[in-house]
Amino acid sequence: MWQILEHRRVVRRLARIPVDILKRYEKWKDIVAISGPQGLIPIKGFRDEALRGDWNGHRSSRLGEQYRVIYLVEEQEVIVKVVDLTAHDYRRK
């Protein structure tokens, strides 16, 4: 089992996102908790990918046309840190 940690910014944004995106995010968390980020690879709809530039080392999964979940994997501790849930805005804040 993988541990999923959510940044407090993500927790606050969950109240404002559409219900269908929230359901997809919950499904994303279920998959990652059970099989880790590798479990996302066979599911083409998430389009899981590594990020570059300012977000180097992080990964992104698609939750819809607009929304993405940005996360960091720490394999030595079996932890996935969800850094941001964004409406496709990759600029660092």
PDB file of N, CA and C in Angstrom:
ATOM      1  N   MET A   1       0.836  -1.188   0.000  1.00  0.00           N
ATOM      2  CA  MET A   1       0.000   0.000   0.000  1.00  0.00           C
ATOM      3  C   MET A   1       0.883   1.256   0.000  1.00  0.00           C
ATOM      4  N   TRP A   2       0.479   2.196  -0.811  1.00  0.00           N
ATOM      5  CA  TRP A   2       1.170   3.475  -0.882  1.00  0.00           C
ATOM      6  C   TRP A   2       0.446   4.486  -0.009  1.00  0.00           C
ATOM      7  N   GLN A   3       1.218   5.360   0.603  1.00  0.00           N
ATOM      8  CA  GLN A   3       0.638   6.428   1.414  1.00  0.00           C
ATOM      9  C   GLN A   3       0.510   7.673   0.537  1.00  0.00           C
ATOM     10  N   ILE A   4      -0.639   8.332   0.568  1.00  0.00           N
ATOM     11  CA  ILE A   4      -0.874   9.530  -0.231  1.00  0.00           C
ATOM     12  C   ILE A   4      -1.029  10.712   0.716  1.00  0.00           C
ATOM     13  N   LEU A   5      -0.153  11.686   0.576  1.00  0.00           N
ATOM     14  CA  LEU A   5      -0.209  12.903   1.376  1.00  0.00           C
ATOM     15  C   LEU A   5      -0.666  14.051   0.486  1.00  0.00           C
ATOM     16  N   GLU A   6      -1.643  14.821   0.959  1.00  0.00           N
ATOM     17  CA  GLU A   6      -2.163  15.941   0.182  1.00  0.00           C
ATOM     18  C   GLU A   6      -1.740  17.255   0.828  1.00  0.00           C
ATOM     19  N   HIS A   7      -1.241  18.155   0.026  1.00  0.00           N
ATOM     20  CA  HIS A   7      -0.890  19.488   0.504  1.00  0.00           C
ATOM     21  C   HIS A   7      -2.169  20.194   0.934  1.00  0.00           C
ATOM     22  N   ARG A   8      -2.076  21.082   1.911  1.00  0.00           N
ATOM     23  CA  ARG A   8      -3.286  21.757   2.407  1.00  0.00           C
ATOM     24  C   ARG A   8      -3.957  22.597   1.326  1.00  0.00           C
ATOM     25  N   ARG A   9      -3.187  23.055   0.356  1.00  0.00           N
ATOM     26  CA  ARG A   9      -3.744  23.811  -0.782  1.00  0.00           C
ATOM     27  C   ARG A   9      -4.693  22.924  -1.586  1.00  0.00           C
ATOM     28  N   VAL A  10      -4.338  21.648  -1.732  1.00  0.00           N
ATOM     29  CA  VAL A  10      -5.180  20.701  -2.477  1.00  0.00           C
ATOM     30  C   VAL A  10      -6.481  20.465  -1.724  1.00  0.00           C
ATOM     31  N   VAL A  11      -6.396  20.293  -0.423  1.00  0.00           N
ATOM     32  CA  VAL A  11      -7.585  20.034   0.388  1.00  0.00           C
ATOM     33  C   VAL A  11      -8.572  21.195   0.266  1.00  0.00           C
ATOM     34  N   ARG A  12      -8.070  22.420   0.258  1.00  0.00           N
ATOM     35  CA  ARG A  12      -8.955  23.586   0.118  1.00  0.00           C
ATOM     36  C   ARG A  12      -9.590  23.653  -1.265  1.00  0.00           C
ATOM     37  N   ARG A  13      -8.869  23.264  -2.298  1.00  0.00           N
ATOM     38  CA  ARG A  13      -9.399  23.326  -3.661  1.00  0.00           C
ATOM     39  C   ARG A  13     -10.441  22.250  -3.942  1.00  0.00           C
ATOM     40  N   LEU A  14     -10.421  21.176  -3.187  1.00  0.00           N
ATOM     41  CA  LEU A  14     -11.367  20.091  -3.423  1.00  0.00           C
ATOM     42  C   LEU A  14     -12.815  20.542  -3.265  1.00  0.00           C
ATOM     43  N   ALA A  15     -13.061  21.522  -2.420  1.00  0.00           N
ATOM     44  CA  ALA A  15     -14.425  22.007  -2.202  1.00  0.00           C
ATOM     45  C   ALA A  15     -14.954  22.790  -3.399  1.00  0.00           C
ATOM     46  N   ARG A  16     -14.055  23.276  -4.266  1.00  0.00           N
ATOM     47  CA  ARG A  16     -14.473  24.136  -5.369  1.00  0.00           C
ATOM     48  C   ARG A  16     -14.439  23.467  -6.736  1.00  0.00           C
ATOM     49  N   ILE A  17     -13.956  22.259  -6.834  1.00  0.00           N
ATOM     50  CA  ILE A  17     -13.867  21.634  -8.155  1.00  0.00           C
ATOM     51  C   ILE A  17     -15.178  20.924  -8.489  1.00  0.00           C
ATOM     52  N   PRO A  18     -15.450  20.702  -9.772  1.00  0.00           N
ATOM     53  CA  PRO A  18     -16.680  20.015 -10.169  1.00  0.00           C
ATOM     54  C   PRO A  18     -16.745  18.583  -9.621  1.00  0.00           C
ATOM     55  N   VAL A  19     -17.955  18.100  -9.421  1.00  0.00           N
ATOM     56  CA  VAL A  19     -18.176  16.775  -8.819  1.00  0.00           C
ATOM     57  C   VAL A  19     -17.551  15.663  -9.651  1.00  0.00           C
ATOM     58  N   ASP A  20     -17.660  15.733 -10.986  1.00  0.00           N
ATOM     59  CA  ASP A  20     -17.094  14.663 -11.815  1.00  0.00           C
ATOM     60  C   ASP A  20     -15.571  14.605 -11.701  1.00  0.00           C
ATOM     61  N   ILE A  21     -14.925  15.757 -11.558  1.00  0.00           N
ATOM     62  CA  ILE A  21     -13.468  15.797 -11.377  1.00  0.00           C
ATOM     63  C   ILE A  21     -13.112  15.246  -9.994  1.00  0.00           C
ATOM     64  N   LEU A  22     -13.920  15.579  -9.000  1.00  0.00           N
ATOM     65  CA  LEU A  22     -13.683  15.075  -7.647  1.00  0.00           C
ATOM     66  C   LEU A  22     -13.785  13.552  -7.609  1.00  0.00           C
ATOM     67  N   LYS A  23     -14.763  12.976  -8.300  1.00  0.00           N
ATOM     68  CA  LYS A  23     -14.909  11.515  -8.359  1.00  0.00           C
ATOM     69  C   LYS A  23     -13.709  10.882  -9.061  1.00  0.00           C
ATOM     70  N   ARG A  24     -13.248  11.518 -10.123  1.00  0.00           N
ATOM     71  CA  ARG A  24     -12.088  10.993 -10.856  1.00  0.00           C
ATOM     72  C   ARG A  24     -10.829  11.074  -9.994  1.00  0.00           C
ATOM     73  N   TYR A  25     -10.697  12.142  -9.206  1.00  0.00           N
ATOM     74  CA  TYR A  25      -9.555  12.284  -8.296  1.00  0.00           C
ATOM     75  C   TYR A  25      -9.596  11.184  -7.227  1.00  0.00           C
ATOM     76  N   GLU A  26     -10.769  10.892  -6.694  1.00  0.00           N
ATOM     77  CA  GLU A  26     -10.896   9.816  -5.701  1.00  0.00           C
ATOM     78  C   GLU A  26     -10.509   8.468  -6.313  1.00  0.00           C
ATOM     79  N   LYS A  27     -10.904   8.230  -7.562  1.00  0.00           N
ATOM     80  CA  LYS A  27     -10.521   6.984  -8.259  1.00  0.00           C
ATOM     81  C   LYS A  27      -9.005   6.948  -8.459  1.00  0.00           C
ATOM     82  N   TRP A  28      -8.416   8.101  -8.824  1.00  0.00           N
ATOM     83  CA  TRP A  28      -6.964   8.212  -8.990  1.00  0.00           C
ATOM     84  C   TRP A  28      -6.262   7.828  -7.688  1.00  0.00           C
ATOM     85  N   LYS A  29      -6.755   8.356  -6.560  1.00  0.00           N
ATOM     86  CA  LYS A  29      -6.157   8.047  -5.262  1.00  0.00           C
ATOM     87  C   LYS A  29      -6.284   6.565  -4.935  1.00  0.00           C
ATOM     88  N   ASP A  30      -7.425   5.951  -5.258  1.00  0.00           N
ATOM     89  CA  ASP A  30      -7.602   4.516  -5.007  1.00  0.00           C
ATOM     90  C   ASP A  30      -6.574   3.693  -5.773  1.00  0.00           C
ATOM     91  N   ILE A  31      -6.387   4.024  -7.047  1.00  0.00           N
ATOM     92  CA  ILE A  31      -5.433   3.290  -7.885  1.00  0.00           C
ATOM     93  C   ILE A  31      -4.018   3.445  -7.354  1.00  0.00           C
ATOM     94  N   VAL A  32      -3.629   4.675  -7.024  1.00  0.00           N
ATOM     95  CA  VAL A  32      -2.271   4.935  -6.534  1.00  0.00           C
ATOM     96  C   VAL A  32      -2.050   4.290  -5.169  1.00  0.00           C
ATOM     97  N   ALA A  33      -3.038   4.302  -4.306  1.00  0.00           N
ATOM     98  CA  ALA A  33      -2.885   3.702  -2.979  1.00  0.00           C
ATOM     99  C   ALA A  33      -2.660   2.200  -3.073  1.00  0.00           C
ATOM    100  N   ILE A  34      -3.312   1.563  -4.028  1.00  0.00           N
ATOM    101  CA  ILE A  34      -3.202   0.105  -4.151  1.00  0.00           C
ATOM    102  C   ILE A  34      -1.945  -0.319  -4.906  1.00  0.00           C
ATOM    103  N   SER A  35      -1.716   0.274  -6.088  1.00  0.00           N
ATOM    104  CA  SER A  35      -0.621  -0.213  -6.929  1.00  0.00           C
ATOM    105  C   SER A  35       0.457   0.822  -7.220  1.00  0.00           C
ATOM    106  N   GLY A  36       0.379   1.975  -6.610  1.00  0.00           N
ATOM    107  CA  GLY A  36       1.392   3.003  -6.830  1.00  0.00           C
ATOM    108  C   GLY A  36       1.218   3.683  -8.176  1.00  0.00           C
ATOM    109  N   PRO A  37       2.100   4.597  -8.500  1.00  0.00           N
ATOM    110  CA  PRO A  37       2.010   5.319  -9.772  1.00  0.00           C
ATOM    111  C   PRO A  37       2.098   4.406 -10.993  1.00  0.00           C
ATOM    112  N   GLN A  38       2.704   3.235 -10.853  1.00  0.00           N
ATOM    113  CA  GLN A  38       2.784   2.298 -11.969  1.00  0.00           C
ATOM    114  C   GLN A  38       1.402   1.818 -12.394  1.00  0.00           C
ATOM    115  N   GLY A  39       0.449   1.825 -11.484  1.00  0.00           N
ATOM    116  CA  GLY A  39      -0.906   1.400 -11.783  1.00  0.00           C
ATOM    117  C   GLY A  39      -1.642   2.344 -12.719  1.00  0.00           C
ATOM    118  N   LEU A  40      -1.118   3.557 -12.890  1.00  0.00           N
ATOM    119  CA  LEU A  40      -1.736   4.545 -13.772  1.00  0.00           C
ATOM    120  C   LEU A  40      -1.346   4.331 -15.232  1.00  0.00           C
ATOM    121  N   ILE A  41      -0.256   3.646 -15.485  1.00  0.00           N
ATOM    122  CA  ILE A  41       0.262   3.487 -16.849  1.00  0.00           C
ATOM    123  C   ILE A  41      -0.730   2.778 -17.773  1.00  0.00           C
ATOM    124  N   PRO A  42      -1.353   1.676 -17.366  1.00  0.00           N
ATOM    125  CA  PRO A  42      -2.280   1.003 -18.295  1.00  0.00           C
ATOM    126  C   PRO A  42      -3.571   1.779 -18.557  1.00  0.00           C
ATOM    127  N   ILE A  43      -3.890   2.755 -17.725  1.00  0.00           N
ATOM    128  CA  ILE A  43      -5.123   3.521 -17.889  1.00  0.00           C
ATOM    129  C   ILE A  43      -4.800   4.769 -18.699  1.00  0.00           C
ATOM    130  N   LYS A  44      -5.088   4.722 -19.985  1.00  0.00           N
ATOM    131  CA  LYS A  44      -4.710   5.790 -20.915  1.00  0.00           C
ATOM    132  C   LYS A  44      -5.402   7.119 -20.609  1.00  0.00           C
ATOM    133  N   GLY A  45      -6.577   7.087 -19.989  1.00  0.00           N
ATOM    134  CA  GLY A  45      -7.325   8.314 -19.721  1.00  0.00           C
ATOM    135  C   GLY A  45      -6.613   9.268 -18.775  1.00  0.00           C
ATOM    136  N   PHE A  46      -5.766   8.750 -17.896  1.00  0.00           N
ATOM    137  CA  PHE A  46      -5.050   9.613 -16.965  1.00  0.00           C
ATOM    138  C   PHE A  46      -3.854  10.311 -17.614  1.00  0.00           C
ATOM    139  N   ARG A  47      -3.335   9.748 -18.684  1.00  0.00           N
ATOM    140  CA  ARG A  47      -2.178  10.313 -19.386  1.00  0.00           C
ATOM    141  C   ARG A  47      -1.098  10.782 -18.409  1.00  0.00           C
ATOM    142  N   ASP A  48      -0.665   9.868 -17.593  1.00  0.00           N
ATOM    143  CA  ASP A  48       0.356  10.158 -16.593  1.00  0.00           C
ATOM    144  C   ASP A  48       1.683  10.443 -17.283  1.00  0.00           C
ATOM    145  N   GLU A  49       2.348  11.539 -16.875  1.00  0.00           N
ATOM    146  CA  GLU A  49       3.601  11.923 -17.529  1.00  0.00           C
ATOM    147  C   GLU A  49       4.515  12.661 -16.570  1.00  0.00           C
ATOM    148  N   ALA A  50       5.805  12.591 -16.857  1.00  0.00           N
ATOM    149  CA  ALA A  50       6.801  13.341 -16.099  1.00  0.00           C
ATOM    150  C   ALA A  50       6.791  14.789 -16.568  1.00  0.00           C
ATOM    151  N   LEU A  51       7.036  15.707 -15.633  1.00  0.00           N
ATOM    152  CA  LEU A  51       7.061  17.124 -15.974  1.00  0.00           C
ATOM    153  C   LEU A  51       8.496  17.609 -16.091  1.00  0.00           C
ATOM    154  N   ARG A  52       8.672  18.709 -16.812  1.00  0.00           N
ATOM    155  CA  ARG A  52      10.011  19.283 -17.022  1.00  0.00           C
ATOM    156  C   ARG A  52      10.024  20.724 -16.529  1.00  0.00           C
ATOM    157  N   GLY A  53      11.174  21.340 -16.628  1.00  0.00           N
ATOM    158  CA  GLY A  53      11.302  22.751 -16.269  1.00  0.00           C
ATOM    159  C   GLY A  53      11.249  22.960 -14.768  1.00  0.00           C
ATOM    160  N   ASP A  54      10.433  23.937 -14.335  1.00  0.00           N
ATOM    161  CA  ASP A  54      10.307  24.228 -12.906  1.00  0.00           C
ATOM    162  C   ASP A  54       9.767  23.041 -12.116  1.00  0.00           C
ATOM    163  N   TRP A  55       8.997  22.180 -12.774  1.00  0.00           N
ATOM    164  CA  TRP A  55       8.381  21.029 -12.124  1.00  0.00           C
ATOM    165  C   TRP A  55       9.199  19.748 -12.326  1.00  0.00           C
ATOM    166  N   ASN A  56      10.465  19.852 -12.661  1.00  0.00           N
ATOM    167  CA  ASN A  56      11.303  18.678 -12.888  1.00  0.00           C
ATOM    168  C   ASN A  56      11.288  17.776 -11.650  1.00  0.00           C
ATOM    169  N   GLY A  57      11.059  16.483 -11.865  1.00  0.00           N
ATOM    170  CA  GLY A  57      10.983  15.517 -10.772  1.00  0.00           C
ATOM    171  C   GLY A  57       9.557  15.203 -10.363  1.00  0.00           C
ATOM    172  N   HIS A  58       8.607  16.024 -10.762  1.00  0.00           N
ATOM    173  CA  HIS A  58       7.189  15.807 -10.455  1.00  0.00           C
ATOM    174  C   HIS A  58       6.520  15.086 -11.622  1.00  0.00           C
ATOM    175  N   ARG A  59       5.319  14.573 -11.372  1.00  0.00           N
ATOM    176  CA  ARG A  59       4.530  13.921 -12.403  1.00  0.00           C
ATOM    177  C   ARG A  59       3.148  14.552 -12.439  1.00  0.00           C
ATOM    178  N   SER A  60       2.449  14.346 -13.546  1.00  0.00           N
ATOM    179  CA  SER A  60       1.121  14.911 -13.729  1.00  0.00           C
ATOM    180  C   SER A  60       0.194  13.848 -14.305  1.00  0.00           C
ATOM    181  N   SER A  61      -1.051  13.841 -13.837  1.00  0.00           N
ATOM    182  CA  SER A  61      -2.086  12.965 -14.374  1.00  0.00           C
ATOM    183  C   SER A  61      -3.296  13.809 -14.734  1.00  0.00           C
ATOM    184  N   ARG A  62      -3.922  13.475 -15.837  1.00  0.00           N
ATOM    185  CA  ARG A  62      -5.093  14.213 -16.310  1.00  0.00           C
ATOM    186  C   ARG A  62      -6.342  13.700 -15.594  1.00  0.00           C
ATOM    187  N   LEU A  63      -7.126  14.633 -15.054  1.00  0.00           N
ATOM    188  CA  LEU A  63      -8.392  14.279 -14.421  1.00  0.00           C
ATOM    189  C   LEU A  63      -9.577  14.666 -15.288  1.00  0.00           C
ATOM    190  N   GLY A  64      -9.324  15.408 -16.328  1.00  0.00           N
ATOM    191  CA  GLY A  64     -10.355  15.869 -17.252  1.00  0.00           C
ATOM    192  C   GLY A  64      -9.677  16.706 -18.317  1.00  0.00           C
ATOM    193  N   GLU A  65     -10.456  17.368 -19.150  1.00  0.00           N
ATOM    194  CA  GLU A  65      -9.864  18.218 -20.183  1.00  0.00           C
ATOM    195  C   GLU A  65      -9.005  19.314 -19.566  1.00  0.00           C
ATOM    196  N   GLN A  66      -9.449  19.859 -18.449  1.00  0.00           N
ATOM    197  CA  GLN A  66      -8.789  21.020 -17.871  1.00  0.00           C
ATOM    198  C   GLN A  66      -7.973  20.695 -16.628  1.00  0.00           C
ATOM    199  N   TYR A  67      -8.431  19.792 -15.793  1.00  0.00           N
ATOM    200  CA  TYR A  67      -7.819  19.581 -14.483  1.00  0.00           C
ATOM    201  C   TYR A  67      -6.712  18.529 -14.508  1.00  0.00           C
ATOM    202  N   ARG A  68      -5.656  18.810 -13.737  1.00  0.00           N
ATOM    203  CA  ARG A  68      -4.518  17.910 -13.574  1.00  0.00           C
ATOM    204  C   ARG A  68      -4.204  17.765 -12.092  1.00  0.00           C
ATOM    205  N   VAL A  69      -3.665  16.615 -11.734  1.00  0.00           N
ATOM    206  CA  VAL A  69      -3.120  16.432 -10.401  1.00  0.00           C
ATOM    207  C   VAL A  69      -1.601  16.344 -10.570  1.00  0.00           C
ATOM    208  N   ILE A  70      -0.882  17.149  -9.816  1.00  0.00           N
ATOM    209  CA  ILE A  70       0.576  17.173  -9.867  1.00  0.00           C
ATOM    210  C   ILE A  70       1.078  16.542  -8.572  1.00  0.00           C
ATOM    211  N   TYR A  71       1.984  15.572  -8.719  1.00  0.00           N
ATOM    212  CA  TYR A  71       2.441  14.840  -7.543  1.00  0.00           C
ATOM    213  C   TYR A  71       3.913  14.500  -7.639  1.00  0.00           C
ATOM    214  N   LEU A  72       4.474  14.133  -6.498  1.00  0.00           N
ATOM    215  CA  LEU A  72       5.874  13.767  -6.359  1.00  0.00           C
ATOM    216  C   LEU A  72       5.933  12.384  -5.726  1.00  0.00           C
ATOM    217  N   VAL A  73       6.772  11.514  -6.262  1.00  0.00           N
ATOM    218  CA  VAL A  73       6.885  10.139  -5.757  1.00  0.00           C
ATOM    219  C   VAL A  73       8.178  10.004  -4.970  1.00  0.00           C
ATOM    220  N   GLU A  74       8.073   9.474  -3.760  1.00  0.00           N
ATOM    221  CA  GLU A  74       9.245   9.145  -2.953  1.00  0.00           C
ATOM    222  C   GLU A  74       9.222   7.639  -2.744  1.00  0.00           C
ATOM    223  N   GLU A  75       9.868   6.914  -3.652  1.00  0.00           N
ATOM    224  CA  GLU A  75       9.793   5.453  -3.645  1.00  0.00           C
ATOM    225  C   GLU A  75      10.470   4.816  -2.441  1.00  0.00           C
ATOM    226  N   GLN A  76      11.520   5.433  -1.933  1.00  0.00           N
ATOM    227  CA  GLN A  76      12.198   4.813  -0.811  1.00  0.00           C
ATOM    228  C   GLN A  76      11.308   4.803   0.431  1.00  0.00           C
ATOM    229  N   GLU A  77      10.299   5.689   0.488  1.00  0.00           N
ATOM    230  CA  GLU A  77       9.391   5.720   1.625  1.00  0.00           C
ATOM    231  C   GLU A  77       7.986   5.276   1.254  1.00  0.00           C
ATOM    232  N   VAL A  78       7.747   4.916   0.009  1.00  0.00           N
ATOM    233  CA  VAL A  78       6.444   4.497  -0.498  1.00  0.00           C
ATOM    234  C   VAL A  78       5.399   5.578  -0.201  1.00  0.00           C
ATOM    235  N   ILE A  79       5.721   6.820  -0.590  1.00  0.00           N
ATOM    236  CA  ILE A  79       4.845   7.966  -0.367  1.00  0.00           C
ATOM    237  C   ILE A  79       4.611   8.685  -1.686  1.00  0.00           C
ATOM    238  N   VAL A  80       3.370   9.075  -1.918  1.00  0.00           N
ATOM    239  CA  VAL A  80       3.030   9.937  -3.039  1.00  0.00           C
ATOM    240  C   VAL A  80       2.538  11.244  -2.441  1.00  0.00           C
ATOM    241  N   LYS A  81       3.216  12.345  -2.739  1.00  0.00           N
ATOM    242  CA  LYS A  81       2.824  13.659  -2.222  1.00  0.00           C
ATOM    243  C   LYS A  81       2.092  14.420  -3.317  1.00  0.00           C
ATOM    244  N   VAL A  82       0.806  14.662  -3.106  1.00  0.00           N
ATOM    245  CA  VAL A  82       0.023  15.441  -4.060  1.00  0.00           C
ATOM    246  C   VAL A  82       0.315  16.907  -3.765  1.00  0.00           C
ATOM    247  N   VAL A  83       0.975  17.560  -4.723  1.00  0.00           N
ATOM    248  CA  VAL A  83       1.425  18.929  -4.544  1.00  0.00           C
ATOM    249  C   VAL A  83       0.344  19.917  -4.940  1.00  0.00           C
ATOM    250  N   ASP A  84      -0.378  19.632  -6.024  1.00  0.00           N
ATOM    251  CA  ASP A  84      -1.354  20.595  -6.518  1.00  0.00           C
ATOM    252  C   ASP A  84      -2.430  19.891  -7.320  1.00  0.00           C
ATOM    253  N   LEU A  85      -3.602  20.451  -7.283  1.00  0.00           N
ATOM    254  CA  LEU A  85      -4.720  20.040  -8.125  1.00  0.00           C
ATOM    255  C   LEU A  85      -5.104  21.297  -8.875  1.00  0.00           C
ATOM    256  N   THR A  86      -4.737  21.354 -10.137  1.00  0.00           N
ATOM    257  CA  THR A  86      -4.794  22.612 -10.861  1.00  0.00           C
ATOM    258  C   THR A  86      -5.648  22.533 -12.110  1.00  0.00           C
ATOM    259  N   ALA A  87      -6.177  23.668 -12.480  1.00  0.00           N
ATOM    260  CA  ALA A  87      -6.940  23.788 -13.716  1.00  0.00           C
ATOM    261  C   ALA A  87      -5.963  24.078 -14.845  1.00  0.00           C
ATOM    262  N   HIS A  88      -5.030  23.172 -15.045  1.00  0.00           N
ATOM    263  CA  HIS A  88      -4.033  23.214 -16.120  1.00  0.00           C
ATOM    264  C   HIS A  88      -3.189  24.484 -16.096  1.00  0.00           C
ATOM    265  N   ASP A  89      -2.736  24.864 -14.920  1.00  0.00           N
ATOM    266  CA  ASP A  89      -1.857  26.010 -14.765  1.00  0.00           C
ATOM    267  C   ASP A  89      -0.591  25.500 -14.090  1.00  0.00           C
ATOM    268  N   TYR A  90       0.458  25.333 -14.868  1.00  0.00           N
ATOM    269  CA  TYR A  90       1.677  24.715 -14.370  1.00  0.00           C
ATOM    270  C   TYR A  90       2.684  25.710 -13.803  1.00  0.00           C
ATOM    271  N   ARG A  91       2.330  26.987 -13.727  1.00  0.00           N
ATOM    272  CA  ARG A  91       3.274  27.957 -13.196  1.00  0.00           C
ATOM    273  C   ARG A  91       3.463  27.720 -11.696  1.00  0.00           C
ATOM    274  N   ARG A  92       4.693  27.827 -11.233  1.00  0.00           N
ATOM    275  CA  ARG A  92       4.986  27.674  -9.814  1.00  0.00           C
ATOM    276  C   ARG A  92       4.466  28.894  -9.081  1.00  0.00           C
ATOM    277  N   LYS A  93       3.967  28.689  -7.894  1.00  0.00           N
ATOM    278  CA  LYS A  93       3.434  29.801  -7.088  1.00  0.00           C
ATOM    279  C   LYS A  93       4.200  29.923  -5.809  1.00  0.00           C
TER     280      LYS A  93
END
